[in-house]
C-alpha atoms as a PDB file:
ATOM      1  CA  MET A   1     -48.647  -7.844  51.772  1.00  0.00           C
ATOM      2  CA  GLN A   2     -49.775  -9.160  55.141  1.00  0.00           C
ATOM      3  CA  ASP A   3     -53.206  -9.888  53.677  1.00  0.00           C
ATOM      4  CA  TYR A   4     -51.627 -11.998  50.953  1.00  0.00           C
ATOM      5  CA  GLN A   5     -49.448 -13.850  53.451  1.00  0.00           C
ATOM      6  CA  ALA A   6     -52.423 -14.532  55.722  1.00  0.00           C
ATOM      7  CA  GLN A   7     -54.406 -15.940  52.799  1.00  0.00           C
ATOM      8  CA  ILE A   8     -51.494 -18.126  51.716  1.00  0.00           C
ATOM      9  CA  GLU A   9     -51.192 -19.518  55.232  1.00  0.00           C
ATOM     10  CA  LYS A  10     -54.938 -20.214  55.420  1.00  0.00           C
ATOM     11  CA  LEU A  11     -54.965 -22.001  52.075  1.00  0.00           C
ATOM     12  CA  ARG A  12     -51.956 -24.133  52.996  1.00  0.00           C
ATOM     13  CA  LYS A  13     -53.532 -24.967  56.368  1.00  0.00           C
ATOM     14  CA  TYR A  14     -56.770 -26.033  54.668  1.00  0.00           C
ATOM     15  CA  ALA A  15     -54.785 -28.113  52.178  1.00  0.00           C
ATOM     16  CA  ALA A  16     -52.977 -29.861  55.038  1.00  0.00           C
ATOM     17  CA  GLU A  17     -56.278 -30.573  56.799  1.00  0.00           C
ATOM     18  CA  CYS A  18     -57.744 -31.991  53.593  1.00  0.00           C
ATOM     19  CA  ALA A  19     -54.642 -34.145  53.143  1.00  0.00           C
ATOM     20  CA  LEU A  20     -55.130 -35.539  56.636  1.00  0.00           C
ATOM     21  CA  ILE A  21     -58.779 -36.350  55.933  1.00  0.00           C
ATOM     22  CA  ARG A  22     -57.800 -37.892  52.581  1.00  0.00           C
ATOM     23  CA  ASP A  23     -55.178 -40.074  54.239  1.00  0.00           C
ATOM     24  CA  LEU A  24     -57.623 -41.269  56.899  1.00  0.00           C
ATOM     25  CA  ALA A  25     -60.572 -41.837  54.560  1.00  0.00           C
ATOM     26  CA  ILE A  26     -61.617 -45.405  53.933  1.00  0.00           C
ATOM     27  CA  ASP A  27     -64.037 -44.608  51.111  1.00  0.00           C
ATOM     28  CA  LYS A  28     -62.314 -44.309  47.712  1.00  0.00           C
ATOM     29  CA  ALA A  29     -64.610 -41.526  46.494  1.00  0.00           C
ATOM     30  CA  LYS A  30     -63.928 -39.493  49.634  1.00  0.00           C
ATOM     31  CA  ARG A  31     -60.163 -39.984  49.224  1.00  0.00           C
ATOM     32  CA  GLU A  32     -60.365 -38.809  45.625  1.00  0.00           C
ATOM     33  CA  LEU A  33     -62.478 -35.783  46.555  1.00  0.00           C
ATOM     34  CA  PHE A  34     -60.097 -34.692  49.285  1.00  0.00           C
ATOM     35  CA  ASP A  35     -57.117 -35.306  47.023  1.00  0.00           C
ATOM     36  CA  ARG A  36     -58.659 -32.931  44.468  1.00  0.00           C
ATOM     37  CA  LEU A  37     -59.230 -30.392  47.247  1.00  0.00           C
ATOM     38  CA  VAL A  38     -55.590 -30.677  48.359  1.00  0.00           C
ATOM     39  CA  ASN A  39     -54.411 -30.079  44.807  1.00  0.00           C
ATOM     40  CA  HIS A  40     -56.799 -27.188  44.253  1.00  0.00           C
ATOM     41  CA  LEU A  41     -55.993 -25.428  47.529  1.00  0.00           C
ATOM     42  CA  THR A  42     -52.262 -25.878  46.975  1.00  0.00           C
ATOM     43  CA  LEU A  43     -52.558 -24.392  43.499  1.00  0.00           C
ATOM     44  CA  LEU A  44     -54.536 -21.444  44.846  1.00  0.00           C
ATOM     45  CA  ALA A  45     -51.924 -20.821  47.541  1.00  0.00           C
ATOM     46  CA  ASP A  46     -49.185 -20.950  44.903  1.00  0.00           C
ATOM     47  CA  GLN A  47     -51.061 -18.475  42.719  1.00  0.00           C
ATOM     48  CA  VAL A  48     -51.619 -16.053  45.594  1.00  0.00           C
ATOM     49  CA  GLU A  49     -47.932 -16.318  46.472  1.00  0.00           C
ATOM     50  CA  MET A  50     -46.943 -15.604  42.869  1.00  0.00           C
ATOM     51  CA  ALA A  51     -49.280 -12.602  42.760  1.00  0.00           C
ATOM     52  CA  MET A  52     -47.759 -11.319  45.995  1.00  0.00           C
ATOM     53  CA  LEU A  53     -44.229 -11.658  44.613  1.00  0.00           C
ATOM     54  CA  GLU A  54     -45.206 -10.004  41.327  1.00  0.00           C
ATOM     55  CA  ARG A  55     -46.768  -7.100  43.170  1.00  0.00           C
ATOM     56  CA  LYS A  56     -43.740  -6.788  45.439  1.00  0.00           C
ATOM     57  CA  ASN A  57     -41.387  -6.775  42.452  1.00  0.00           C
ATOM     58  CA  GLY A  58     -43.607  -4.438  40.444  1.00  0.00           C
ATOM     59  CA  THR A  59     -44.078  -6.933  37.605  1.00  0.00           C
ATOM     60  CA  GLU A  60     -47.865  -7.096  37.553  1.00  0.00           C
ATOM     61  CA  GLY A  61     -49.143  -7.795  34.133  1.00  0.00           C
END
């Protein structure tokens, strides 16, 4: 479980860093790229968290 939690924290940290870069970017293409990265990393973190909860509850499927 600690491995899952560590990965969730890393993904959320990376998403926050990408959000900062996105918010500071002047170039529209760069903003859009980093926005996609934020969304992707957040989704991955959510999926890892769901997998962790499913495994904890014994509802893997």
